[in-house]
């Protein structure tokens, strides 16, 4: 192998290495986006669960009031 061929191969290897670096950066960005989405999904899930719990308590209070009114004054 001549010195010129060796230099060409080294240049090609340098270009390939740059491409791999770019691909690694892109994968890192995609991974960060997925982590961000996952965190948001967990936060939204917690909020949704809290809302459902609050609605459940409100429903229980309404049912309790109706039962109490029904026993006291025959409401409903």
PDB file of N, CA and C in Angstrom:
ATOM      1  N   UNK A   1       0.853  -1.161   0.000  1.00  0.00           N
ATOM      2  CA  UNK A   1       0.000   0.000   0.000  1.00  0.00           C
ATOM      3  C   UNK A   1       0.903   1.229   0.000  1.00  0.00           C
ATOM      4  N   UNK A   2       0.584   2.116  -0.902  1.00  0.00           N
ATOM      5  CA  UNK A   2       1.392   3.333  -1.001  1.00  0.00           C
ATOM      6  C   UNK A   2       0.971   4.340   0.061  1.00  0.00           C
ATOM      7  N   UNK A   3       1.798   5.323   0.220  1.00  0.00           N
ATOM      8  CA  UNK A   3       1.508   6.355   1.216  1.00  0.00           C
ATOM      9  C   UNK A   3       0.254   7.140   0.853  1.00  0.00           C
ATOM     10  N   UNK A   4       0.039   7.364  -0.429  1.00  0.00           N
ATOM     11  CA  UNK A   4      -1.155   8.091  -0.892  1.00  0.00           C
ATOM     12  C   UNK A   4      -2.418   7.291  -0.584  1.00  0.00           C
ATOM     13  N   UNK A   5      -2.403   5.998  -0.821  1.00  0.00           N
ATOM     14  CA  UNK A   5      -3.562   5.161  -0.515  1.00  0.00           C
ATOM     15  C   UNK A   5      -3.836   5.145   0.994  1.00  0.00           C
ATOM     16  N   UNK A   6      -2.741   5.058   1.744  1.00  0.00           N
ATOM     17  CA  UNK A   6      -2.875   5.083   3.201  1.00  0.00           C
ATOM     18  C   UNK A   6      -3.517   6.392   3.662  1.00  0.00           C
ATOM     19  N   UNK A   7      -3.086   7.504   3.111  1.00  0.00           N
ATOM     20  CA  UNK A   7      -3.653   8.812   3.476  1.00  0.00           C
ATOM     21  C   UNK A   7      -5.123   8.900   3.089  1.00  0.00           C
ATOM     22  N   UNK A   8      -5.477   8.343   1.923  1.00  0.00           N
ATOM     23  CA  UNK A   8      -6.881   8.343   1.505  1.00  0.00           C
ATOM     24  C   UNK A   8      -7.734   7.519   2.477  1.00  0.00           C
ATOM     25  N   UNK A   9      -7.205   6.369   2.876  1.00  0.00           N
ATOM     26  CA  UNK A   9      -7.935   5.538   3.833  1.00  0.00           C
ATOM     27  C   UNK A   9      -8.110   6.249   5.178  1.00  0.00           C
ATOM     28  N   UNK A  10      -7.064   6.912   5.592  1.00  0.00           N
ATOM     29  CA  UNK A  10      -7.154   7.645   6.861  1.00  0.00           C
ATOM     30  C   UNK A  10      -8.172   8.777   6.776  1.00  0.00           C
ATOM     31  N   UNK A  11      -8.222   9.455   5.625  1.00  0.00           N
ATOM     32  CA  UNK A  11      -9.203  10.525   5.417  1.00  0.00           C
ATOM     33  C   UNK A  11     -10.617   9.959   5.440  1.00  0.00           C
ATOM     34  N   UNK A  12     -10.805   8.814   4.775  1.00  0.00           N
ATOM     35  CA  UNK A  12     -12.124   8.176   4.776  1.00  0.00           C
ATOM     36  C   UNK A  12     -12.521   7.741   6.186  1.00  0.00           C
ATOM     37  N   UNK A  13     -11.563   7.214   6.926  1.00  0.00           N
ATOM     38  CA  UNK A  13     -11.848   6.802   8.294  1.00  0.00           C
ATOM     39  C   UNK A  13     -12.235   8.010   9.166  1.00  0.00           C
ATOM     40  N   UNK A  14     -11.588   9.135   8.935  1.00  0.00           N
ATOM     41  CA  UNK A  14     -11.911  10.346   9.689  1.00  0.00           C
ATOM     42  C   UNK A  14     -13.340  10.796   9.381  1.00  0.00           C
ATOM     43  N   UNK A  15     -13.747  10.718   8.098  1.00  0.00           N
ATOM     44  CA  UNK A  15     -15.123  11.080   7.717  1.00  0.00           C
ATOM     45  C   UNK A  15     -16.129  10.123   8.354  1.00  0.00           C
ATOM     46  N   UNK A  16     -15.792   8.843   8.337  1.00  0.00           N
ATOM     47  CA  UNK A  16     -16.690   7.858   8.948  1.00  0.00           C
ATOM     48  C   UNK A  16     -16.815   8.114  10.439  1.00  0.00           C
ATOM     49  N   UNK A  17     -15.720   8.435  11.073  1.00  0.00           N
ATOM     50  CA  UNK A  17     -15.735   8.729  12.506  1.00  0.00           C
ATOM     51  C   UNK A  17     -16.613   9.945  12.814  1.00  0.00           C
ATOM     52  N   UNK A  18     -16.549  10.979  11.967  1.00  0.00           N
ATOM     53  CA  UNK A  18     -17.400  12.161  12.148  1.00  0.00           C
ATOM     54  C   UNK A  18     -18.876  11.784  12.004  1.00  0.00           C
ATOM     55  N   UNK A  19     -19.177  10.919  11.034  1.00  0.00           N
ATOM     56  CA  UNK A  19     -20.569  10.486  10.849  1.00  0.00           C
ATOM     57  C   UNK A  19     -21.066   9.749  12.087  1.00  0.00           C
ATOM     58  N   UNK A  20     -20.241   8.870  12.616  1.00  0.00           N
ATOM     59  CA  UNK A  20     -20.642   8.151  13.822  1.00  0.00           C
ATOM     60  C   UNK A  20     -20.848   9.101  14.992  1.00  0.00           C
ATOM     61  N   UNK A  21     -20.007  10.107  15.097  1.00  0.00           N
ATOM     62  CA  UNK A  21     -20.196  11.100  16.161  1.00  0.00           C
ATOM     63  C   UNK A  21     -21.529  11.823  15.998  1.00  0.00           C
ATOM     64  N   UNK A  22     -21.865  12.188  14.764  1.00  0.00           N
ATOM     65  CA  UNK A  22     -23.147  12.857  14.508  1.00  0.00           C
ATOM     66  C   UNK A  22     -24.313  11.938  14.854  1.00  0.00           C
ATOM     67  N   UNK A  23     -24.191  10.671  14.491  1.00  0.00           N
ATOM     68  CA  UNK A  23     -25.254   9.709  14.791  1.00  0.00           C
ATOM     69  C   UNK A  23     -25.401   9.552  16.302  1.00  0.00           C
ATOM     70  N   UNK A  24     -24.273   9.480  17.007  1.00  0.00           N
ATOM     71  CA  UNK A  24     -24.323   9.382  18.474  1.00  0.00           C
ATOM     72  C   UNK A  24     -25.021  10.586  19.083  1.00  0.00           C
ATOM     73  N   UNK A  25     -24.725  11.774  18.587  1.00  0.00           N
ATOM     74  CA  UNK A  25     -25.379  12.980  19.099  1.00  0.00           C
ATOM     75  C   UNK A  25     -26.881  12.938  18.835  1.00  0.00           C
ATOM     76  N   UNK A  26     -27.264  12.484  17.637  1.00  0.00           N
ATOM     77  CA  UNK A  26     -28.689  12.397  17.311  1.00  0.00           C
ATOM     78  C   UNK A  26     -29.396  11.406  18.233  1.00  0.00           C
ATOM     79  N   UNK A  27     -28.768  10.254  18.467  1.00  0.00           N
ATOM     80  CA  UNK A  27     -29.369   9.283  19.379  1.00  0.00           C
ATOM     81  C   UNK A  27     -29.468   9.834  20.797  1.00  0.00           C
ATOM     82  N   UNK A  28     -28.467  10.579  21.217  1.00  0.00           N
ATOM     83  CA  UNK A  28     -28.521  11.194  22.549  1.00  0.00           C
ATOM     84  C   UNK A  28     -29.688  12.171  22.650  1.00  0.00           C
ATOM     85  N   UNK A  29     -29.885  12.977  21.598  1.00  0.00           N
ATOM     86  CA  UNK A  29     -31.010  13.929  21.599  1.00  0.00           C
ATOM     87  C   UNK A  29     -32.346  13.190  21.627  1.00  0.00           C
ATOM     88  N   UNK A  30     -32.449  12.120  20.839  1.00  0.00           N
ATOM     89  CA  UNK A  30     -33.689  11.340  20.819  1.00  0.00           C
ATOM     90  C   UNK A  30     -33.935  10.718  22.187  1.00  0.00           C
ATOM     91  N   UNK A  31     -32.883  10.203  22.811  1.00  0.00           N
ATOM     92  CA  UNK A  31     -33.011   9.611  24.141  1.00  0.00           C
ATOM     93  C   UNK A  31     -33.462  10.654  25.163  1.00  0.00           C
ATOM     94  N   UNK A  32     -32.919  11.859  25.062  1.00  0.00           N
ATOM     95  CA  UNK A  32     -33.341  12.939  25.965  1.00  0.00           C
ATOM     96  C   UNK A  32     -34.805  13.287  25.754  1.00  0.00           C
ATOM     97  N   UNK A  33     -35.244  13.308  24.495  1.00  0.00           N
ATOM     98  CA  UNK A  33     -36.656  13.603  24.215  1.00  0.00           C
ATOM     99  C   UNK A  33     -37.554  12.526  24.806  1.00  0.00           C
ATOM    100  N   UNK A  34     -37.163  11.254  24.656  1.00  0.00           N
ATOM    101  CA  UNK A  34     -37.965  10.175  25.227  1.00  0.00           C
ATOM    102  C   UNK A  34     -38.031  10.271  26.742  1.00  0.00           C
ATOM    103  N   UNK A  35     -36.917  10.614  27.387  1.00  0.00           N
ATOM    104  CA  UNK A  35     -36.930  10.787  28.832  1.00  0.00           C
ATOM    105  C   UNK A  35     -37.858  11.928  29.237  1.00  0.00           C
ATOM    106  N   UNK A  36     -37.815  13.036  28.475  1.00  0.00           N
ATOM    107  CA  UNK A  36     -38.689  14.171  28.753  1.00  0.00           C
ATOM    108  C   UNK A  36     -40.161  13.766  28.596  1.00  0.00           C
ATOM    109  N   UNK A  37     -40.474  13.032  27.520  1.00  0.00           N
ATOM    110  CA  UNK A  37     -41.847  12.586  27.305  1.00  0.00           C
ATOM    111  C   UNK A  37     -42.302  11.648  28.421  1.00  0.00           C
ATOM    112  N   UNK A  38     -41.400  10.765  28.828  1.00  0.00           N
ATOM    113  CA  UNK A  38     -41.747   9.834  29.902  1.00  0.00           C
ATOM    114  C   UNK A  38     -42.027  10.576  31.205  1.00  0.00           C
ATOM    115  N   UNK A  39     -41.197  11.569  31.524  1.00  0.00           N
ATOM    116  CA  UNK A  39     -41.433  12.361  32.734  1.00  0.00           C
ATOM    117  C   UNK A  39     -42.768  13.080  32.665  1.00  0.00           C
ATOM    118  N   UNK A  40     -43.091  13.644  31.495  1.00  0.00           N
ATOM    119  CA  UNK A  40     -44.374  14.338  31.341  1.00  0.00           C
ATOM    120  C   UNK A  40     -45.542  13.374  31.473  1.00  0.00           C
ATOM    121  N   UNK A  41     -45.397  12.172  30.917  1.00  0.00           N
ATOM    122  CA  UNK A  41     -46.475  11.189  31.020  1.00  0.00           C
ATOM    123  C   UNK A  41     -46.707  10.796  32.476  1.00  0.00           C
ATOM    124  N   UNK A  42     -45.624  10.626  33.232  1.00  0.00           N
ATOM    125  CA  UNK A  42     -45.763  10.279  34.643  1.00  0.00           C
ATOM    126  C   UNK A  42     -46.437  11.424  35.391  1.00  0.00           C
ATOM    127  N   UNK A  43     -46.033  12.670  35.111  1.00  0.00           N
ATOM    128  CA  UNK A  43     -46.652  13.819  35.776  1.00  0.00           C
ATOM    129  C   UNK A  43     -48.136  13.895  35.443  1.00  0.00           C
ATOM    130  N   UNK A  44     -48.475  13.720  34.156  1.00  0.00           N
ATOM    131  CA  UNK A  44     -49.881  13.800  33.752  1.00  0.00           C
ATOM    132  C   UNK A  44     -50.673  12.658  34.365  1.00  0.00           C
ATOM    133  N   UNK A  45     -50.059  11.484  34.469  1.00  0.00           N
ATOM    134  CA  UNK A  45     -50.725  10.344  35.090  1.00  0.00           C
ATOM    135  C   UNK A  45     -51.017  10.638  36.554  1.00  0.00           C
ATOM    136  N   UNK A  46     -50.054  11.242  37.256  1.00  0.00           N
ATOM    137  CA  UNK A  46     -50.269  11.601  38.660  1.00  0.00           C
ATOM    138  C   UNK A  46     -51.395  12.615  38.803  1.00  0.00           C
ATOM    139  N   UNK A  47     -51.421  13.603  37.910  1.00  0.00           N
ATOM    140  CA  UNK A  47     -52.477  14.616  37.954  1.00  0.00           C
ATOM    141  C   UNK A  47     -53.829  13.969  37.667  1.00  0.00           C
ATOM    142  N   UNK A  48     -53.878  13.096  36.672  1.00  0.00           N
ATOM    143  CA  UNK A  48     -55.121  12.418  36.313  1.00  0.00           C
ATOM    144  C   UNK A  48     -55.616  11.571  37.483  1.00  0.00           C
ATOM    145  N   UNK A  49     -54.706  10.868  38.134  1.00  0.00           N
ATOM    146  CA  UNK A  49     -55.076  10.049  39.280  1.00  0.00           C
ATOM    147  C   UNK A  49     -55.608  10.926  40.415  1.00  0.00           C
ATOM    148  N   UNK A  50     -54.983  12.070  40.639  1.00  0.00           N
ATOM    149  CA  UNK A  50     -55.452  12.984  41.681  1.00  0.00           C
ATOM    150  C   UNK A  50     -56.845  13.501  41.370  1.00  0.00           C
ATOM    151  N   UNK A  51     -57.090  13.821  40.104  1.00  0.00           N
ATOM    152  CA  UNK A  51     -58.419  14.300  39.701  1.00  0.00           C
ATOM    153  C   UNK A  51     -59.461  13.208  39.919  1.00  0.00           C
ATOM    154  N   UNK A  52     -59.104  11.968  39.550  1.00  0.00           N
ATOM    155  CA  UNK A  52     -60.054  10.873  39.756  1.00  0.00           C
ATOM    156  C   UNK A  52     -60.349  10.666  41.240  1.00  0.00           C
ATOM    157  N   UNK A  53     -59.343  10.774  42.074  1.00  0.00           N
ATOM    158  CA  UNK A  53     -59.547  10.629  43.516  1.00  0.00           C
ATOM    159  C   UNK A  53     -60.461  11.747  44.020  1.00  0.00           C
ATOM    160  N   UNK A  54     -60.223  12.977  43.577  1.00  0.00           N
ATOM    161  CA  UNK A  54     -61.058  14.105  43.992  1.00  0.00           C
ATOM    162  C   UNK A  54     -62.499  13.905  43.527  1.00  0.00           C
ATOM    163  N   UNK A  55     -62.668  13.435  42.294  1.00  0.00           N
ATOM    164  CA  UNK A  55     -64.031  13.185  41.792  1.00  0.00           C
ATOM    165  C   UNK A  55     -64.708  12.078  42.585  1.00  0.00           C
ATOM    166  N   UNK A  56     -63.934  11.070  42.951  1.00  0.00           N
ATOM    167  CA  UNK A  56     -64.495   9.983  43.757  1.00  0.00           C
ATOM    168  C   UNK A  56     -64.973  10.481  45.108  1.00  0.00           C
ATOM    169  N   UNK A  57     -64.171  11.335  45.758  1.00  0.00           N
ATOM    170  CA  UNK A  57     -64.582  11.903  47.040  1.00  0.00           C
ATOM    171  C   UNK A  57     -65.822  12.776  46.874  1.00  0.00           C
ATOM    172  N   UNK A  58     -65.859  13.568  45.809  1.00  0.00           N
ATOM    173  CA  UNK A  58     -67.037  14.413  45.579  1.00  0.00           C
ATOM    174  C   UNK A  58     -68.280  13.548  45.380  1.00  0.00           C
ATOM    175  N   UNK A  59     -68.149  12.469  44.626  1.00  0.00           N
ATOM    176  CA  UNK A  59     -69.278  11.563  44.406  1.00  0.00           C
ATOM    177  C   UNK A  59     -69.726  10.942  45.730  1.00  0.00           C
ATOM    178  N   UNK A  60     -68.754  10.537  46.543  1.00  0.00           N
ATOM    179  CA  UNK A  60     -69.088   9.944  47.839  1.00  0.00           C
ATOM    180  C   UNK A  60     -69.807  10.955  48.726  1.00  0.00           C
ATOM    181  N   UNK A  61     -69.367  12.211  48.698  1.00  0.00           N
ATOM    182  CA  UNK A  61     -70.025  13.257  49.499  1.00  0.00           C
ATOM    183  C   UNK A  61     -71.447  13.486  49.017  1.00  0.00           C
ATOM    184  N   UNK A  62     -71.646  13.558  47.704  1.00  0.00           N
ATOM    185  CA  UNK A  62     -72.992  13.767  47.157  1.00  0.00           C
ATOM    186  C   UNK A  62     -73.896  12.607  47.535  1.00  0.00           C
ATOM    187  N   UNK A  63     -73.402  11.379  47.382  1.00  0.00           N
ATOM    188  CA  UNK A  63     -74.214  10.209  47.749  1.00  0.00           C
ATOM    189  C   UNK A  63     -74.527  10.244  49.244  1.00  0.00           C
ATOM    190  N   UNK A  64     -73.545  10.590  50.055  1.00  0.00           N
ATOM    191  CA  UNK A  64     -73.773  10.684  51.495  1.00  0.00           C
ATOM    192  C   UNK A  64     -74.829  11.720  51.844  1.00  0.00           C
ATOM    193  N   UNK A  65     -74.770  12.879  51.197  1.00  0.00           N
ATOM    194  CA  UNK A  65     -75.762  13.931  51.453  1.00  0.00           C
ATOM    195  C   UNK A  65     -77.149  13.471  51.048  1.00  0.00           C
ATOM    196  N   UNK A  66     -77.242  12.808  49.893  1.00  0.00           N
ATOM    197  CA  UNK A  66     -78.552  12.313  49.440  1.00  0.00           C
ATOM    198  C   UNK A  66     -79.088  11.271  50.425  1.00  0.00           C
ATOM    199  N   UNK A  67     -78.240  10.378  50.897  1.00  0.00           N
ATOM    200  CA  UNK A  67     -78.700   9.357  51.852  1.00  0.00           C
ATOM    201  C   UNK A  67     -79.163  10.021  53.147  1.00  0.00           C
ATOM    202  N   UNK A  68     -78.391  10.997  53.625  1.00  0.00           N
ATOM    203  CA  UNK A  68     -78.770  11.692  54.864  1.00  0.00           C
ATOM    204  C   UNK A  68     -80.089  12.446  54.677  1.00  0.00           C
ATOM    205  N   UNK A  69     -80.208  13.157  53.556  1.00  0.00           N
ATOM    206  CA  UNK A  69     -81.463  13.903  53.293  1.00  0.00           C
ATOM    207  C   UNK A  69     -82.643  12.939  53.164  1.00  0.00           C
ATOM    208  N   UNK A  70     -82.394  11.795  52.562  1.00  0.00           N
ATOM    209  CA  UNK A  70     -83.458  10.816  52.383  1.00  0.00           C
ATOM    210  C   UNK A  70     -83.930  10.264  53.729  1.00  0.00           C
ATOM    211  N   UNK A  71     -82.996  10.025  54.631  1.00  0.00           N
ATOM    212  CA  UNK A  71     -83.396   9.491  55.943  1.00  0.00           C
ATOM    213  C   UNK A  71     -84.025  10.555  56.826  1.00  0.00           C
ATOM    214  N   UNK A  72     -83.573  11.780  56.705  1.00  0.00           N
ATOM    215  CA  UNK A  72     -84.068  12.831  57.594  1.00  0.00           C
ATOM    216  C   UNK A  72     -85.417  13.380  57.118  1.00  0.00           C
ATOM    217  N   UNK A  73     -85.515  13.744  55.832  1.00  0.00           N
ATOM    218  CA  UNK A  73     -86.746  14.410  55.377  1.00  0.00           C
ATOM    219  C   UNK A  73     -87.435  13.671  54.250  1.00  0.00           C
ATOM    220  N   UNK A  74     -86.962  12.511  53.896  1.00  0.00           N
ATOM    221  CA  UNK A  74     -87.621  11.747  52.835  1.00  0.00           C
ATOM    222  C   UNK A  74     -87.368  12.321  51.466  1.00  0.00           C
ATOM    223  N   UNK A  75     -86.194  12.935  51.284  1.00  0.00           N
ATOM    224  CA  UNK A  75     -85.836  13.536  49.986  1.00  0.00           C
ATOM    225  C   UNK A  75     -85.448  12.422  49.017  1.00  0.00           C
ATOM    226  N   UNK A  76     -85.944  12.506  47.778  1.00  0.00           N
ATOM    227  CA  UNK A  76     -85.554  11.546  46.740  1.00  0.00           C
ATOM    228  C   UNK A  76     -86.414  10.402  46.729  1.00  0.00           C
TER     229      UNK A  76
END
